[in-house]
All heavy atoms as atom14 arrays in JSON, in Angstrom:
{
  "sequence": "NDSLHSGLFPSAFKSAIVKPLLKKTTLNPEILKNYRPVSNLSFLSKIL",
  "atom14_mask": [
    [1, 1, 1, 1, 1, 1, 1, 1, 0, 0, 0, 0, 0, 0],
    [1, 1, 1, 1, 1, 1, 1, 1, 0, 0, 0, 0, 0, 0],
    [1, 1, 1, 1, 1, 1, 0, 0, 0, 0, 0, 0, 0, 0],
    [1, 1, 1, 1, 1, 1, 1, 1, 0, 0, 0, 0, 0, 0],
    [1, 1, 1, 1, 1, 1, 1, 1, 1, 1, 0, 0, 0, 0],
    [1, 1, 1, 1, 1, 1, 0, 0, 0, 0, 0, 0, 0, 0],
    [1, 1, 1, 1, 0, 0, 0, 0, 0, 0, 0, 0, 0, 0],
    [1, 1, 1, 1, 1, 1, 1, 1, 0, 0, 0, 0, 0, 0],
    [1, 1, 1, 1, 1, 1, 1, 1, 1, 1, 1, 0, 0, 0],
    [1, 1, 1, 1, 1, 1, 1, 0, 0, 0, 0, 0, 0, 0],
    [1, 1, 1, 1, 1, 1, 0, 0, 0, 0, 0, 0, 0, 0],
    [1, 1, 1, 1, 1, 0, 0, 0, 0, 0, 0, 0, 0, 0],
    [1, 1, 1, 1, 1, 1, 1, 1, 1, 1, 1, 0, 0, 0],
    [1, 1, 1, 1, 1, 1, 1, 1, 1, 0, 0, 0, 0, 0],
    [1, 1, 1, 1, 1, 1, 0, 0, 0, 0, 0, 0, 0, 0],
    [1, 1, 1, 1, 1, 0, 0, 0, 0, 0, 0, 0, 0, 0],
    [1, 1, 1, 1, 1, 1, 1, 1, 0, 0, 0, 0, 0, 0],
    [1, 1, 1, 1, 1, 1, 1, 0, 0, 0, 0, 0, 0, 0],
    [1, 1, 1, 1, 1, 1, 1, 1, 1, 0, 0, 0, 0, 0],
    [1, 1, 1, 1, 1, 1, 1, 0, 0, 0, 0, 0, 0, 0],
    [1, 1, 1, 1, 1, 1, 1, 1, 0, 0, 0, 0, 0, 0],
    [1, 1, 1, 1, 1, 1, 1, 1, 0, 0, 0, 0, 0, 0],
    [1, 1, 1, 1, 1, 1, 1, 1, 1, 0, 0, 0, 0, 0],
    [1, 1, 1, 1, 1, 1, 1, 1, 1, 0, 0, 0, 0, 0],
    [1, 1, 1, 1, 1, 1, 1, 0, 0, 0, 0, 0, 0, 0],
    [1, 1, 1, 1, 1, 1, 1, 0, 0, 0, 0, 0, 0, 0],
    [1, 1, 1, 1, 1, 1, 1, 1, 0, 0, 0, 0, 0, 0],
    [1, 1, 1, 1, 1, 1, 1, 1, 0, 0, 0, 0, 0, 0],
    [1, 1, 1, 1, 1, 1, 1, 0, 0, 0, 0, 0, 0, 0],
    [1, 1, 1, 1, 1, 1, 1, 1, 1, 0, 0, 0, 0, 0],
    [1, 1, 1, 1, 1, 1, 1, 1, 0, 0, 0, 0, 0, 0],
    [1, 1, 1, 1, 1, 1, 1, 1, 0, 0, 0, 0, 0, 0],
    [1, 1, 1, 1, 1, 1, 1, 1, 1, 0, 0, 0, 0, 0],
    [1, 1, 1, 1, 1, 1, 1, 1, 0, 0, 0, 0, 0, 0],
    [1, 1, 1, 1, 1, 1, 1, 1, 1, 1, 1, 1, 0, 0],
    [1, 1, 1, 1, 1, 1, 1, 1, 1, 1, 1, 0, 0, 0],
    [1, 1, 1, 1, 1, 1, 1, 0, 0, 0, 0, 0, 0, 0],
    [1, 1, 1, 1, 1, 1, 1, 0, 0, 0, 0, 0, 0, 0],
    [1, 1, 1, 1, 1, 1, 0, 0, 0, 0, 0, 0, 0, 0],
    [1, 1, 1, 1, 1, 1, 1, 1, 0, 0, 0, 0, 0, 0],
    [1, 1, 1, 1, 1, 1, 1, 1, 0, 0, 0, 0, 0, 0],
    [1, 1, 1, 1, 1, 1, 0, 0, 0, 0, 0, 0, 0, 0],
    [1, 1, 1, 1, 1, 1, 1, 1, 1, 1, 1, 0, 0, 0],
    [1, 1, 1, 1, 1, 1, 1, 1, 0, 0, 0, 0, 0, 0],
    [1, 1, 1, 1, 1, 1, 0, 0, 0, 0, 0, 0, 0, 0],
    [1, 1, 1, 1, 1, 1, 1, 1, 1, 0, 0, 0, 0, 0],
    [1, 1, 1, 1, 1, 1, 1, 1, 0, 0, 0, 0, 0, 0],
    [1, 1, 1, 1, 1, 1, 1, 1, 0, 0, 0, 0, 0, 0]
  ],
  "atom14_positions": [
    [[-9.91, 16.87, 9.24], [-9.85, 17.74, 10.5], [-10.17, 16.88, 11.69], [-9.37, 17.08, 12.78], [-10.72, 18.95, 10.4], [-10.13, 20.0, 9.42], [-8.92, 19.99, 9.21], [-10.95, 20.85, 8.94], [0.0, 0.0, 0.0], [0.0, 0.0, 0.0], [0.0, 0.0, 0.0], [0.0, 0.0, 0.0], [0.0, 0.0, 0.0], [0.0, 0.0, 0.0]],
    [[-11.21, 16.08, 11.69], [-11.58, 15.26, 12.89], [-10.39, 14.39, 13.23], [-10.14, 14.19, 14.36], [-12.81, 14.55, 12.63], [-14.13, 15.41, 12.64], [-14.04, 16.49, 13.15], [-15.2, 14.93, 12.2], [0.0, 0.0, 0.0], [0.0, 0.0, 0.0], [0.0, 0.0, 0.0], [0.0, 0.0, 0.0], [0.0, 0.0, 0.0], [0.0, 0.0, 0.0]],
    [[-9.77, 13.76, 12.15], [-8.72, 12.86, 12.44], [-7.51, 13.61, 13.24], [-6.92, 13.03, 14.15], [-8.18, 12.21, 11.17], [-7.08, 11.41, 11.35], [0.0, 0.0, 0.0], [0.0, 0.0, 0.0], [0.0, 0.0, 0.0], [0.0, 0.0, 0.0], [0.0, 0.0, 0.0], [0.0, 0.0, 0.0], [0.0, 0.0, 0.0], [0.0, 0.0, 0.0]],
    [[-7.15, 14.68, 12.52], [-6.06, 15.51, 13.18], [-6.26, 16.05, 14.49], [-5.33, 15.97, 15.35], [-5.75, 16.73, 12.17], [-5.28, 16.28, 10.73], [-5.02, 17.61, 9.96], [-4.07, 15.33, 10.74], [0.0, 0.0, 0.0], [0.0, 0.0, 0.0], [0.0, 0.0, 0.0], [0.0, 0.0, 0.0], [0.0, 0.0, 0.0], [0.0, 0.0, 0.0]],
    [[-7.5, 16.53, 14.71], [-7.81, 17.06, 16.13], [-7.97, 16.01, 17.16], [-7.63, 16.29, 18.28], [-9.15, 17.89, 15.97], [-9.03, 19.11, 15.19], [-10.01, 19.78, 14.55], [-7.94, 19.94, 14.95], [-9.67, 20.78, 13.9], [-8.38, 21.0, 14.1], [0.0, 0.0, 0.0], [0.0, 0.0, 0.0], [0.0, 0.0, 0.0], [0.0, 0.0, 0.0]],
    [[-8.41, 14.77, 16.79], [-8.56, 13.73, 17.73], [-7.27, 12.88, 18.06], [-7.13, 12.23, 18.87], [-9.73, 12.85, 17.34], [-9.36, 12.2, 16.15], [0.0, 0.0, 0.0], [0.0, 0.0, 0.0], [0.0, 0.0, 0.0], [0.0, 0.0, 0.0], [0.0, 0.0, 0.0], [0.0, 0.0, 0.0], [0.0, 0.0, 0.0], [0.0, 0.0, 0.0]],
    [[-6.32, 13.05, 17.04], [-5.17, 12.26, 17.09], [-5.44, 10.79, 16.81], [-4.62, 9.89, 17.16], [0.0, 0.0, 0.0], [0.0, 0.0, 0.0], [0.0, 0.0, 0.0], [0.0, 0.0, 0.0], [0.0, 0.0, 0.0], [0.0, 0.0, 0.0], [0.0, 0.0, 0.0], [0.0, 0.0, 0.0], [0.0, 0.0, 0.0], [0.0, 0.0, 0.0]],
    [[-6.46, 10.48, 16.04], [-6.83, 9.13, 15.64], [-6.84, 9.05, 14.12], [-7.48, 9.84, 13.4], [-8.13, 8.75, 16.2], [-8.37, 8.78, 17.67], [-9.82, 8.52, 18.05], [-7.48, 7.53, 18.23], [0.0, 0.0, 0.0], [0.0, 0.0, 0.0], [0.0, 0.0, 0.0], [0.0, 0.0, 0.0], [0.0, 0.0, 0.0], [0.0, 0.0, 0.0]],
    [[-6.19, 7.94, 13.64], [-6.27, 7.64, 12.21], [-7.33, 6.6, 12.03], [-7.49, 5.57, 12.66], [-4.96, 7.01, 11.77], [-4.77, 6.73, 10.29], [-4.46, 7.8, 9.47], [-5.01, 5.49, 9.71], [-4.31, 7.68, 8.07], [-4.85, 5.36, 8.3], [-4.52, 6.4, 7.49], [0.0, 0.0, 0.0], [0.0, 0.0, 0.0], [0.0, 0.0, 0.0]],
    [[-8.36, 7.0, 11.14], [-9.59, 6.14, 11.03], [-9.21, 4.57, 10.73], [-8.4, 4.27, 9.86], [-10.26, 6.74, 9.81], [-9.86, 8.09, 9.79], [-8.41, 8.08, 10.29], [0.0, 0.0, 0.0], [0.0, 0.0, 0.0], [0.0, 0.0, 0.0], [0.0, 0.0, 0.0], [0.0, 0.0, 0.0], [0.0, 0.0, 0.0], [0.0, 0.0, 0.0]],
    [[-9.94, 3.74, 11.47], [-9.69, 2.28, 11.33], [-9.94, 1.83, 9.94], [-9.37, 0.97, 9.47], [-10.61, 1.59, 12.28], [-10.3, 1.85, 13.69], [0.0, 0.0, 0.0], [0.0, 0.0, 0.0], [0.0, 0.0, 0.0], [0.0, 0.0, 0.0], [0.0, 0.0, 0.0], [0.0, 0.0, 0.0], [0.0, 0.0, 0.0], [0.0, 0.0, 0.0]],
    [[-10.91, 2.49, 9.26], [-11.31, 2.09, 7.91], [-10.18, 2.35, 6.89], [-10.17, 1.75, 5.85], [-12.62, 2.72, 7.47], [0.0, 0.0, 0.0], [0.0, 0.0, 0.0], [0.0, 0.0, 0.0], [0.0, 0.0, 0.0], [0.0, 0.0, 0.0], [0.0, 0.0, 0.0], [0.0, 0.0, 0.0], [0.0, 0.0, 0.0], [0.0, 0.0, 0.0]],
    [[-9.16, 3.22, 7.29], [-7.99, 3.5, 6.42], [-6.85, 2.67, 6.66], [-5.87, 2.84, 6.0], [-7.65, 5.02, 6.63], [-8.76, 6.04, 6.18], [-8.58, 7.34, 6.38], [-9.79, 5.59, 5.41], [-9.41, 8.2, 5.93], [-10.7, 6.53, 4.94], [-10.6, 7.89, 5.31], [0.0, 0.0, 0.0], [0.0, 0.0, 0.0], [0.0, 0.0, 0.0]],
    [[-6.86, 1.73, 7.66], [-5.72, 0.94, 8.18], [-5.55, -0.35, 7.34], [-4.66, -1.06, 7.61], [-5.82, 0.68, 9.59], [-5.71, 1.97, 10.41], [-5.62, 1.61, 11.82], [-5.47, 2.88, 12.7], [-5.3, 2.53, 14.14], [0.0, 0.0, 0.0], [0.0, 0.0, 0.0], [0.0, 0.0, 0.0], [0.0, 0.0, 0.0], [0.0, 0.0, 0.0]],
    [[-6.38, -0.56, 6.31], [-6.3, -1.85, 5.55], [-5.53, -1.56, 4.28], [-5.56, -0.4, 3.6], [-7.7, -2.36, 5.2], [-8.39, -2.72, 6.33], [0.0, 0.0, 0.0], [0.0, 0.0, 0.0], [0.0, 0.0, 0.0], [0.0, 0.0, 0.0], [0.0, 0.0, 0.0], [0.0, 0.0, 0.0], [0.0, 0.0, 0.0], [0.0, 0.0, 0.0]],
    [[-4.77, -2.52, 3.92], [-3.98, -2.48, 2.57], [-4.14, -3.85, 1.85], [-4.16, -4.9, 2.43], [-2.58, -2.14, 2.79], [0.0, 0.0, 0.0], [0.0, 0.0, 0.0], [0.0, 0.0, 0.0], [0.0, 0.0, 0.0], [0.0, 0.0, 0.0], [0.0, 0.0, 0.0], [0.0, 0.0, 0.0], [0.0, 0.0, 0.0], [0.0, 0.0, 0.0]],
    [[-4.22, -3.66, 0.49], [-4.13, -4.86, -0.28], [-2.82, -4.88, -1.03], [-2.44, -3.94, -1.8], [-5.24, -4.92, -1.32], [-6.65, -5.07, -0.68], [-5.08, -6.0, -2.4], [-7.76, -4.97, -1.6], [0.0, 0.0, 0.0], [0.0, 0.0, 0.0], [0.0, 0.0, 0.0], [0.0, 0.0, 0.0], [0.0, 0.0, 0.0], [0.0, 0.0, 0.0]],
    [[-1.99, -5.83, -0.7], [-0.62, -5.89, -1.18], [-0.55, -6.76, -2.51], [-1.03, -7.94, -2.45], [0.39, -6.57, -0.09], [1.81, -6.49, -0.63], [0.32, -5.63, 1.13], [0.0, 0.0, 0.0], [0.0, 0.0, 0.0], [0.0, 0.0, 0.0], [0.0, 0.0, 0.0], [0.0, 0.0, 0.0], [0.0, 0.0, 0.0], [0.0, 0.0, 0.0]],
    [[-0.1, -6.16, -3.52], [0.17, -6.88, -4.71], [1.66, -6.93, -5.11], [2.29, -5.83, -5.14], [-0.67, -6.29, -5.9], [-2.19, -6.38, -5.61], [-2.95, -5.75, -6.75], [-4.44, -5.9, -6.55], [-5.26, -5.4, -7.61], [0.0, 0.0, 0.0], [0.0, 0.0, 0.0], [0.0, 0.0, 0.0], [0.0, 0.0, 0.0], [0.0, 0.0, 0.0]],
    [[2.1, -8.12, -5.43], [3.55, -8.15, -5.85], [3.81, -7.49, -7.22], [3.07, -7.8, -8.22], [3.92, -9.72, -5.83], [2.62, -10.26, -6.05], [1.54, -9.43, -5.46], [0.0, 0.0, 0.0], [0.0, 0.0, 0.0], [0.0, 0.0, 0.0], [0.0, 0.0, 0.0], [0.0, 0.0, 0.0], [0.0, 0.0, 0.0], [0.0, 0.0, 0.0]],
    [[4.83, -6.68, -7.3], [5.02, -5.97, -8.6], [6.59, -6.37, -8.99], [7.44, -6.15, -8.21], [4.9, -4.47, -8.45], [5.06, -3.57, -9.67], [4.13, -3.88, -10.7], [5.19, -2.14, -9.23], [0.0, 0.0, 0.0], [0.0, 0.0, 0.0], [0.0, 0.0, 0.0], [0.0, 0.0, 0.0], [0.0, 0.0, 0.0], [0.0, 0.0, 0.0]],
    [[6.68, -6.79, -10.25], [8.0, -7.03, -10.65], [8.96, -5.8, -10.69], [8.55, -4.87, -11.24], [7.91, -7.73, -12.12], [9.09, -8.56, -12.55], [9.28, -9.77, -11.67], [8.83, -9.06, -14.01], [0.0, 0.0, 0.0], [0.0, 0.0, 0.0], [0.0, 0.0, 0.0], [0.0, 0.0, 0.0], [0.0, 0.0, 0.0], [0.0, 0.0, 0.0]],
    [[10.06, -5.96, -10.07], [11.03, -4.74, -10.0], [11.38, -4.22, -11.38], [11.44, -3.05, -11.57], [12.21, -5.08, -9.19], [11.95, -5.38, -7.66], [13.22, -5.79, -6.93], [12.88, -6.12, -5.47], [13.98, -6.52, -4.86], [0.0, 0.0, 0.0], [0.0, 0.0, 0.0], [0.0, 0.0, 0.0], [0.0, 0.0, 0.0], [0.0, 0.0, 0.0]],
    [[11.67, -5.05, -12.31], [12.08, -4.68, -13.64], [11.42, -5.72, -14.59], [11.35, -6.96, -14.22], [13.57, -4.68, -13.91], [14.25, -3.67, -13.03], [15.75, -3.68, -13.32], [16.47, -2.65, -12.56], [17.96, -2.72, -12.75], [0.0, 0.0, 0.0], [0.0, 0.0, 0.0], [0.0, 0.0, 0.0], [0.0, 0.0, 0.0], [0.0, 0.0, 0.0]],
    [[10.96, -5.29, -15.75], [10.27, -6.11, -16.7], [11.24, -7.25, -17.33], [10.81, -8.25, -17.77], [9.69, -5.27, -17.85], [10.81, -4.58, -18.46], [8.62, -4.43, -17.46], [0.0, 0.0, 0.0], [0.0, 0.0, 0.0], [0.0, 0.0, 0.0], [0.0, 0.0, 0.0], [0.0, 0.0, 0.0], [0.0, 0.0, 0.0], [0.0, 0.0, 0.0]],
    [[12.58, -6.9, -17.16], [13.5, -7.95, -17.72], [13.8, -9.08, -16.69], [14.49, -10.03, -17.14], [14.8, -7.21, -18.04], [15.3, -6.39, -16.88], [14.51, -6.22, -19.09], [0.0, 0.0, 0.0], [0.0, 0.0, 0.0], [0.0, 0.0, 0.0], [0.0, 0.0, 0.0], [0.0, 0.0, 0.0], [0.0, 0.0, 0.0], [0.0, 0.0, 0.0]],
    [[13.41, -8.93, -15.48], [13.63, -9.94, -14.47], [12.73, -11.21, -14.61], [11.67, -11.16, -15.12], [13.54, -9.39, -13.06], [14.44, -8.29, -12.58], [14.14, -7.58, -11.26], [15.83, -8.7, -12.66], [0.0, 0.0, 0.0], [0.0, 0.0, 0.0], [0.0, 0.0, 0.0], [0.0, 0.0, 0.0], [0.0, 0.0, 0.0], [0.0, 0.0, 0.0]],
    [[13.32, -12.33, -14.15], [12.58, -13.62, -14.13], [11.41, -13.58, -13.18], [11.56, -13.51, -12.04], [13.63, -14.72, -13.78], [12.87, -16.07, -14.04], [11.76, -16.25, -14.25], [13.76, -17.17, -13.95], [0.0, 0.0, 0.0], [0.0, 0.0, 0.0], [0.0, 0.0, 0.0], [0.0, 0.0, 0.0], [0.0, 0.0, 0.0], [0.0, 0.0, 0.0]],
    [[10.19, -13.72, -13.87], [9.02, -13.67, -12.89], [8.8, -14.94, -11.99], [7.92, -14.86, -11.12], [7.86, -13.58, -13.92], [8.3, -14.13, -15.2], [9.8, -13.78, -15.19], [0.0, 0.0, 0.0], [0.0, 0.0, 0.0], [0.0, 0.0, 0.0], [0.0, 0.0, 0.0], [0.0, 0.0, 0.0], [0.0, 0.0, 0.0], [0.0, 0.0, 0.0]],
    [[9.63, -15.87, -12.31], [9.49, -17.19, -11.46], [10.26, -17.08, -10.2], [10.19, -17.82, -9.21], [10.09, -18.29, -12.28], [9.37, -18.63, -13.53], [7.86, -19.02, -13.37], [7.64, -19.68, -12.35], [6.97, -18.61, -14.1], [0.0, 0.0, 0.0], [0.0, 0.0, 0.0], [0.0, 0.0, 0.0], [0.0, 0.0, 0.0], [0.0, 0.0, 0.0]],
    [[11.16, -16.02, -10.0], [12.02, -15.81, -8.78], [11.28, -14.83, -7.94], [11.15, -13.62, -8.33], [13.34, -15.37, -9.16], [14.06, -16.47, -10.08], [14.25, -15.12, -7.89], [15.45, -16.04, -10.61], [0.0, 0.0, 0.0], [0.0, 0.0, 0.0], [0.0, 0.0, 0.0], [0.0, 0.0, 0.0], [0.0, 0.0, 0.0], [0.0, 0.0, 0.0]],
    [[10.89, -15.25, -6.76], [10.11, -14.4, -5.85], [10.87, -13.1, -5.47], [10.16, -12.07, -5.24], [9.67, -15.12, -4.6], [8.69, -16.33, -4.87], [8.38, -16.95, -3.57], [7.5, -15.8, -5.62], [0.0, 0.0, 0.0], [0.0, 0.0, 0.0], [0.0, 0.0, 0.0], [0.0, 0.0, 0.0], [0.0, 0.0, 0.0], [0.0, 0.0, 0.0]],
    [[12.17, -13.14, -5.33], [12.87, -11.97, -4.78], [12.93, -10.81, -5.8], [13.36, -9.74, -5.54], [14.36, -12.28, -4.33], [15.2, -12.75, -5.45], [16.66, -13.0, -4.97], [17.62, -13.37, -6.05], [19.04, -13.62, -5.55], [0.0, 0.0, 0.0], [0.0, 0.0, 0.0], [0.0, 0.0, 0.0], [0.0, 0.0, 0.0], [0.0, 0.0, 0.0]],
    [[12.49, -11.09, -7.04], [12.48, -10.15, -8.11], [11.22, -9.28, -7.99], [10.99, -8.32, -8.83], [12.48, -10.76, -9.46], [13.84, -11.33, -9.76], [14.89, -11.0, -9.25], [13.82, -12.33, -10.66], [0.0, 0.0, 0.0], [0.0, 0.0, 0.0], [0.0, 0.0, 0.0], [0.0, 0.0, 0.0], [0.0, 0.0, 0.0], [0.0, 0.0, 0.0]],
    [[10.33, -9.51, -6.92], [9.14, -8.75, -6.8], [9.27, -7.83, -5.62], [10.09, -8.07, -4.61], [7.96, -9.67, -6.52], [7.54, -10.43, -7.74], [8.06, -11.72, -8.06], [6.51, -9.94, -8.63], [7.77, -12.44, -9.13], [6.05, -10.71, -9.74], [6.72, -11.91, -9.98], [6.34, -12.63, -11.06], [0.0, 0.0, 0.0], [0.0, 0.0, 0.0]],
    [[8.56, -6.7, -5.55], [8.47, -5.87, -4.44], [7.01, -5.63, -4.07], [6.15, -5.66, -4.97], [9.13, -4.51, -4.62], [8.46, -3.68, -5.8], [9.37, -2.4, -5.98], [8.85, -1.54, -7.05], [7.95, -0.61, -6.87], [7.44, -0.34, -5.73], [7.53, 0.14, -7.97], [0.0, 0.0, 0.0], [0.0, 0.0, 0.0], [0.0, 0.0, 0.0]],
    [[6.66, -5.69, -2.81], [5.29, -5.57, -2.33], [4.8, -4.14, -2.35], [5.39, -3.19, -1.84], [5.35, -6.15, -0.9], [6.67, -5.82, -0.42], [7.57, -5.84, -1.62], [0.0, 0.0, 0.0], [0.0, 0.0, 0.0], [0.0, 0.0, 0.0], [0.0, 0.0, 0.0], [0.0, 0.0, 0.0], [0.0, 0.0, 0.0], [0.0, 0.0, 0.0]],
    [[3.72, -3.85, -3.16], [3.22, -2.59, -3.26], [1.76, -2.56, -2.48], [0.88, -3.41, -2.9], [3.04, -2.11, -4.6], [2.37, -0.62, -4.66], [4.39, -1.9, -5.32], [0.0, 0.0, 0.0], [0.0, 0.0, 0.0], [0.0, 0.0, 0.0], [0.0, 0.0, 0.0], [0.0, 0.0, 0.0], [0.0, 0.0, 0.0], [0.0, 0.0, 0.0]],
    [[1.58, -1.67, -1.54], [0.28, -1.65, -0.86], [-0.66, -0.67, -1.52], [-0.45, 0.5, -1.77], [0.57, -1.11, 0.59], [1.46, -2.01, 1.33], [0.0, 0.0, 0.0], [0.0, 0.0, 0.0], [0.0, 0.0, 0.0], [0.0, 0.0, 0.0], [0.0, 0.0, 0.0], [0.0, 0.0, 0.0], [0.0, 0.0, 0.0], [0.0, 0.0, 0.0]],
    [[-1.72, -1.29, -1.91], [-2.97, -0.56, -2.44], [-3.74, -0.05, -1.36], [-4.25, -0.83, -0.56], [-3.78, -1.35, -3.44], [-3.08, -1.73, -4.71], [-2.99, -0.95, -5.62], [-2.28, -2.8, -4.71], [0.0, 0.0, 0.0], [0.0, 0.0, 0.0], [0.0, 0.0, 0.0], [0.0, 0.0, 0.0], [0.0, 0.0, 0.0], [0.0, 0.0, 0.0]],
    [[-3.91, 1.3, -1.29], [-4.56, 1.89, -0.07], [-5.71, 2.66, -0.6], [-5.78, 3.1, -1.75], [-3.67, 2.76, 0.67], [-2.27, 2.18, 1.24], [-1.28, 3.28, 1.51], [-2.55, 1.23, 2.33], [0.0, 0.0, 0.0], [0.0, 0.0, 0.0], [0.0, 0.0, 0.0], [0.0, 0.0, 0.0], [0.0, 0.0, 0.0], [0.0, 0.0, 0.0]],
    [[-6.81, 2.99, 0.26], [-7.83, 3.69, -0.11], [-7.42, 5.2, -0.48], [-6.57, 5.73, 0.12], [-8.98, 3.65, 0.98], [-8.44, 4.39, 2.14], [0.0, 0.0, 0.0], [0.0, 0.0, 0.0], [0.0, 0.0, 0.0], [0.0, 0.0, 0.0], [0.0, 0.0, 0.0], [0.0, 0.0, 0.0], [0.0, 0.0, 0.0], [0.0, 0.0, 0.0]],
    [[-8.23, 5.76, -1.37], [-7.86, 7.06, -1.87], [-7.84, 8.07, -0.79], [-6.92, 8.85, -0.62], [-8.83, 7.43, -2.93], [-8.55, 8.86, -3.58], [-7.42, 9.0, -4.3], [-9.38, 9.96, -3.29], [-7.22, 10.26, -4.92], [-9.1, 11.15, -3.86], [-7.98, 11.41, -4.66], [0.0, 0.0, 0.0], [0.0, 0.0, 0.0], [0.0, 0.0, 0.0]],
    [[-8.82, 8.04, 0.03], [-8.91, 9.04, 1.13], [-7.82, 8.9, 2.2], [-7.36, 9.86, 2.82], [-10.26, 9.01, 1.84], [-11.47, 9.68, 1.09], [-12.67, 9.53, 1.94], [-11.06, 11.12, 0.82], [0.0, 0.0, 0.0], [0.0, 0.0, 0.0], [0.0, 0.0, 0.0], [0.0, 0.0, 0.0], [0.0, 0.0, 0.0], [0.0, 0.0, 0.0]],
    [[-7.4, 7.61, 2.44], [-6.25, 7.44, 3.39], [-5.01, 8.17, 2.86], [-4.19, 8.64, 3.64], [-6.05, 6.0, 3.66], [-5.34, 5.29, 2.52], [0.0, 0.0, 0.0], [0.0, 0.0, 0.0], [0.0, 0.0, 0.0], [0.0, 0.0, 0.0], [0.0, 0.0, 0.0], [0.0, 0.0, 0.0], [0.0, 0.0, 0.0], [0.0, 0.0, 0.0]],
    [[-4.78, 8.07, 1.5], [-3.57, 8.64, 0.93], [-3.74, 10.18, 1.06], [-2.7, 10.89, 1.2], [-3.38, 8.0, -0.43], [-2.97, 6.69, -0.45], [-2.59, 6.19, -1.92], [-3.73, 6.06, -2.76], [-3.32, 5.36, -4.08], [0.0, 0.0, 0.0], [0.0, 0.0, 0.0], [0.0, 0.0, 0.0], [0.0, 0.0, 0.0], [0.0, 0.0, 0.0]],
    [[-4.93, 10.74, 0.81], [-5.1, 12.14, 0.97], [-4.84, 12.68, 2.38], [-4.08, 13.64, 2.57], [-6.63, 12.57, 0.57], [-6.88, 12.16, -0.88], [-6.86, 14.0, 0.86], [-5.96, 12.93, -1.83], [0.0, 0.0, 0.0], [0.0, 0.0, 0.0], [0.0, 0.0, 0.0], [0.0, 0.0, 0.0], [0.0, 0.0, 0.0], [0.0, 0.0, 0.0]],
    [[-5.25, 11.9, 3.43], [-4.97, 12.27, 4.8], [-3.41, 12.22, 5.0], [-2.88, 13.07, 5.63], [-5.68, 11.32, 5.69], [-5.42, 11.52, 7.24], [-5.62, 12.9, 7.68], [-6.35, 10.61, 7.95], [0.0, 0.0, 0.0], [0.0, 0.0, 0.0], [0.0, 0.0, 0.0], [0.0, 0.0, 0.0], [0.0, 0.0, 0.0], [0.0, 0.0, 0.0]]
  ]
}
């Protein structure tokens, strides 16, 4: 509620850890374009 009322998204929620995920298990893991970046975010940031 504090975030919504103030119009501010908490700074602590603005960080992401990006891990490359192979798009399909059958793709060659040596080719970088076969990956997609998935952002791991804090649980509370996703709830907000």
